[in-house]
Amino acid sequence: MANNAYFLRDTGEETECLFESHVSIPFFWFALINTRVIGKLGEEILRLFRRSARRIMSNSQVTIRIPGDYMLKNAKNAGNFFGKFYPSLAPLYGEFAAYLAAAFRGGDTLELNIIEISDFNTTVRSMHQVRDVVRSIQLREDAGRYFEIYGPDRDPLSLTGDDRHYRNEFRKFSAAYGSYCDSAEQGLRRKPGVLEKLGKFKETPGGLRGKI
């Protein structure tokens, strides 16, 4: 599974990173996809691998692309899933969906860079895991599948991703997210030298800092 995952908005003229994750794929990102999208991506991976195994091994990421309006429709439909199975997470998810509705404009495309390719078998396994979680949300079944695969963390940064090196605006939409970020940042300030090291780490691999 990728060490770094990125949530991007493509306007056709520029690509802007809205969220990132350095641990796993945030739970709420899966609510924006459906199994048809995953199926098409799997077919593309197979096609590329058959053409050139060396070529696909050299690419660090495979990108999921979804039209913005289609993504927002998926986000709305997934609200019922969180309301039924995770009512404690539903308010944060609703704020996340509202933030995306405000950030995306007509014609924008969502890009999710979430699959790091180390070898073909790992890629196929990762795609199956992504598909399983997407299916569990889309069909409202096997509600615990995400946490079985990606771990038990349920803090706001693990659920939505981190936007603090980019727009840093989601905390305006979510008091819970903002409060968690404030607490995390206060904790870092109490550790000598940590903030200085993090400042040097802001340049992410591939240049995905802010607008590209």
Protein backbone atom coordinates (compact mmCIF):
# COMPACT_ATOMS: atom_id res chain seq x y z
CA MET A 1 0.00 0.00 0.00
CA ALA A 2 1.24 3.49 -0.77
CA ASN A 3 3.23 5.37 1.84
CA ASN A 4 1.82 8.62 0.50
CA ALA A 5 -1.65 9.22 -0.91
CA TYR A 6 -2.88 12.44 -2.52
CA PHE A 7 -6.33 13.95 -3.10
CA LEU A 8 -6.20 16.27 -6.14
CA ARG A 9 -8.54 18.68 -7.93
CA ASP A 10 -7.83 18.98 -11.66
CA THR A 11 -9.40 22.00 -13.36
CA GLY A 12 -8.01 21.16 -16.78
CA GLU A 13 -5.52 24.02 -16.49
CA GLU A 14 -3.94 23.25 -13.12
CA THR A 15 -3.86 20.49 -10.53
CA GLU A 16 -4.29 21.38 -6.87
CA CYS A 17 -3.64 19.04 -3.96
CA LEU A 18 -6.37 19.36 -1.33
CA PHE A 19 -5.45 16.56 1.08
CA GLU A 20 -2.62 14.11 1.65
CA SER A 21 -2.02 11.07 3.83
CA HIS A 22 1.28 9.56 4.93
CA VAL A 23 -0.13 6.53 6.72
CA SER A 24 -2.94 4.89 4.71
CA ILE A 25 -5.86 5.78 2.46
CA PRO A 26 -8.36 7.90 4.45
CA PHE A 27 -11.73 6.21 4.97
CA PHE A 28 -13.80 9.06 3.56
CA TRP A 29 -11.98 8.98 0.21
CA PHE A 30 -13.50 5.57 -0.49
CA ALA A 31 -16.99 7.11 -0.28
CA LEU A 32 -16.26 9.13 -3.44
CA ILE A 33 -15.58 6.11 -5.66
CA ASN A 34 -17.76 3.27 -6.91
CA THR A 35 -16.98 -0.26 -8.05
CA ARG A 36 -17.33 0.62 -11.75
CA VAL A 37 -14.47 3.12 -11.47
CA ILE A 38 -12.30 0.53 -9.70
CA GLY A 39 -13.12 -2.08 -12.33
CA LYS A 40 -12.01 0.22 -15.15
CA LEU A 41 -8.79 1.07 -13.33
CA GLY A 42 -8.04 -2.62 -12.82
CA GLU A 43 -8.48 -3.22 -16.54
CA GLU A 44 -6.09 -0.36 -17.31
CA ILE A 45 -3.44 -1.78 -14.97
CA LEU A 46 -3.69 -5.16 -16.68
CA ARG A 47 -3.43 -3.53 -20.12
CA LEU A 48 -0.33 -1.57 -19.16
CA PHE A 49 1.28 -4.59 -17.55
CA ARG A 50 0.78 -6.72 -20.64
CA ARG A 51 2.35 -4.00 -22.79
CA SER A 52 5.40 -3.49 -20.60
CA ALA A 53 5.96 -4.89 -17.14
CA ARG A 54 9.07 -2.74 -16.81
CA ARG A 55 7.13 0.38 -17.68
CA ILE A 56 4.39 -0.14 -15.12
CA MET A 57 6.91 -1.11 -12.42
CA SER A 58 8.70 2.21 -12.98
CA ASN A 59 5.52 4.23 -12.29
CA SER A 60 5.09 4.84 -8.58
CA GLN A 61 1.38 5.55 -8.69
CA VAL A 62 -1.82 4.78 -10.55
CA THR A 63 -4.37 7.60 -10.56
CA ILE A 64 -8.12 7.21 -10.11
CA ARG A 65 -9.92 9.97 -12.04
CA ILE A 66 -13.59 10.85 -11.43
CA PRO A 67 -15.60 13.79 -12.84
CA GLY A 68 -16.32 16.21 -10.02
CA ASP A 69 -20.11 16.09 -10.34
CA TYR A 70 -20.01 12.28 -10.35
CA MET A 71 -17.79 12.32 -7.27
CA LEU A 72 -20.19 14.64 -5.42
CA LYS A 73 -23.11 12.34 -6.27
CA ASN A 74 -21.20 9.39 -4.78
CA ALA A 75 -20.41 11.48 -1.71
CA LYS A 76 -24.07 12.29 -1.18
CA ASN A 77 -25.15 8.67 -1.54
CA ALA A 78 -22.51 7.51 0.95
CA GLY A 79 -24.00 9.73 3.65
CA ASN A 80 -26.58 7.01 4.33
CA PHE A 81 -23.79 4.48 4.94
CA PHE A 82 -22.13 6.57 7.64
CA GLY A 83 -25.46 7.53 9.16
CA LYS A 84 -26.42 3.85 9.51
CA PHE A 85 -23.15 2.18 10.48
CA TYR A 86 -21.00 4.98 11.90
CA PRO A 87 -23.27 7.66 13.36
CA SER A 88 -20.39 9.06 15.42
CA LEU A 89 -18.46 9.71 12.18
CA ALA A 90 -21.45 11.03 10.21
CA PRO A 91 -21.11 14.71 11.25
CA LEU A 92 -17.44 14.86 10.19
CA TYR A 93 -18.27 13.06 6.94
CA GLY A 94 -21.07 15.55 6.22
CA GLU A 95 -18.62 18.43 6.72
CA PHE A 96 -16.09 16.73 4.45
CA ALA A 97 -18.71 16.32 1.70
CA ALA A 98 -19.82 19.95 2.10
CA TYR A 99 -16.21 21.13 1.82
CA LEU A 100 -15.75 19.23 -1.44
CA ALA A 101 -18.99 20.65 -2.83
CA ALA A 102 -17.64 24.15 -2.14
CA ALA A 103 -14.15 23.41 -3.51
CA PHE A 104 -15.10 21.74 -6.81
CA ARG A 105 -16.46 23.65 -9.79
CA GLY A 106 -18.21 22.44 -12.93
CA GLY A 107 -15.77 20.58 -15.14
CA ASP A 108 -13.31 19.81 -12.32
CA THR A 109 -12.02 16.27 -11.94
CA LEU A 110 -11.09 14.41 -8.78
CA GLU A 111 -7.78 12.56 -8.90
CA LEU A 112 -6.79 10.08 -6.21
CA ASN A 113 -3.18 8.89 -6.21
CA ILE A 114 -3.50 5.98 -3.82
CA ILE A 115 -1.84 2.89 -5.32
CA GLU A 116 1.94 2.54 -5.16
CA ILE A 117 3.24 -0.18 -7.46
CA SER A 118 6.03 -2.32 -6.08
CA ASP A 119 5.22 -5.44 -8.08
CA PHE A 120 2.25 -6.64 -10.07
CA ASN A 121 0.89 -9.01 -7.40
CA THR A 122 0.98 -6.25 -4.76
CA THR A 123 -0.89 -3.92 -7.10
CA VAL A 124 -3.61 -6.47 -7.79
CA ARG A 125 -4.01 -7.18 -4.08
CA SER A 126 -4.24 -3.45 -3.33
CA MET A 127 -6.89 -3.00 -6.01
CA HIS A 128 -8.94 -5.85 -4.55
CA GLN A 129 -8.74 -4.22 -1.11
CA VAL A 130 -9.84 -0.85 -2.48
CA ARG A 131 -12.70 -2.52 -4.35
CA ASP A 132 -13.82 -4.37 -1.21
CA VAL A 133 -14.05 -1.17 0.83
CA VAL A 134 -15.78 0.76 -1.97
CA ARG A 135 -18.27 -2.07 -2.38
CA SER A 136 -18.97 -2.16 1.37
CA ILE A 137 -19.92 1.53 1.28
CA GLN A 138 -21.78 1.48 -2.03
CA LEU A 139 -23.89 -1.57 -1.11
CA ARG A 140 -23.98 -0.79 2.64
CA GLU A 141 -22.60 -4.20 3.60
CA ASP A 142 -19.62 -5.51 5.58
CA ALA A 143 -19.34 -2.14 7.32
CA GLY A 144 -16.09 -2.95 9.14
CA ARG A 145 -14.09 -3.86 6.04
CA TYR A 146 -12.10 -0.61 5.94
CA PHE A 147 -10.84 -0.95 9.50
CA GLU A 148 -10.01 -4.63 8.97
CA ILE A 149 -7.65 -3.68 6.13
CA TYR A 150 -6.29 -0.28 7.03
CA GLY A 151 -6.27 -0.28 10.82
CA PRO A 152 -8.40 1.05 13.68
CA ASP A 153 -7.45 4.77 13.66
CA ARG A 154 -10.52 7.03 13.69
CA ASP A 155 -9.01 10.46 14.31
CA PRO A 156 -10.04 13.23 11.87
CA LEU A 157 -6.71 13.26 9.99
CA SER A 158 -6.94 9.50 9.38
CA LEU A 159 -10.53 9.81 8.13
CA THR A 160 -10.26 12.87 5.85
CA GLY A 161 -6.57 13.36 5.14
CA ASP A 162 -4.41 16.36 6.02
CA ASP A 163 -4.86 19.71 4.25
CA ARG A 164 -2.62 21.84 6.47
CA HIS A 165 0.22 22.12 3.93
CA TYR A 166 -2.22 23.09 1.18
CA ARG A 167 -5.36 25.24 1.47
CA ASN A 168 -5.55 24.72 5.23
CA GLU A 169 -9.25 25.59 5.05
CA PHE A 170 -11.07 22.43 6.10
CA ARG A 171 -10.81 23.39 9.77
CA LYS A 172 -13.21 26.24 8.94
CA PHE A 173 -15.78 23.64 7.87
CA SER A 174 -15.27 21.29 10.80
CA ALA A 175 -14.80 22.29 14.42
CA ALA A 176 -13.83 18.68 15.27
CA TYR A 177 -11.14 18.63 12.59
CA GLY A 178 -9.83 22.05 13.60
CA SER A 179 -9.73 21.12 17.28
CA TYR A 180 -7.83 17.92 16.54
CA CYS A 181 -5.29 19.78 14.39
CA ASP A 182 -4.85 22.44 17.07
CA SER A 183 -4.16 19.77 19.70
CA ALA A 184 -1.70 17.96 17.44
CA GLU A 185 0.15 21.19 16.65
CA GLN A 186 0.30 22.20 20.31
CA GLY A 187 1.78 18.82 21.12
CA LEU A 188 4.49 19.33 18.50
CA ARG A 189 5.35 22.75 19.88
CA ARG A 190 6.17 21.14 23.20
CA LYS A 191 8.79 18.95 21.49
CA PRO A 192 12.01 20.91 20.75
CA GLY A 193 13.08 20.87 17.10
CA VAL A 194 10.06 18.95 15.76
CA LEU A 195 8.37 21.88 13.96
CA GLU A 196 11.64 22.85 12.29
CA LYS A 197 12.04 19.32 10.95
CA LEU A 198 8.43 19.25 9.72
CA GLY A 199 8.94 22.56 7.91
CA LYS A 200 11.76 21.01 5.91
CA PHE A 201 9.53 18.00 5.13
CA LYS A 202 6.73 19.99 3.50
CA GLU A 203 8.03 19.44 -0.03
CA THR A 204 6.29 16.19 -0.87
CA PRO A 205 7.48 13.62 -3.45
CA GLY A 206 6.45 14.56 -6.97
CA GLY A 207 6.08 18.25 -6.15
CA LEU A 208 2.49 17.89 -4.95
CA ARG A 209 2.58 20.90 -2.67
CA GLY A 210 -0.27 23.35 -3.18
CA LYS A 211 -0.91 24.06 -6.85
CA ILE A 212 1.04 22.34 -9.59
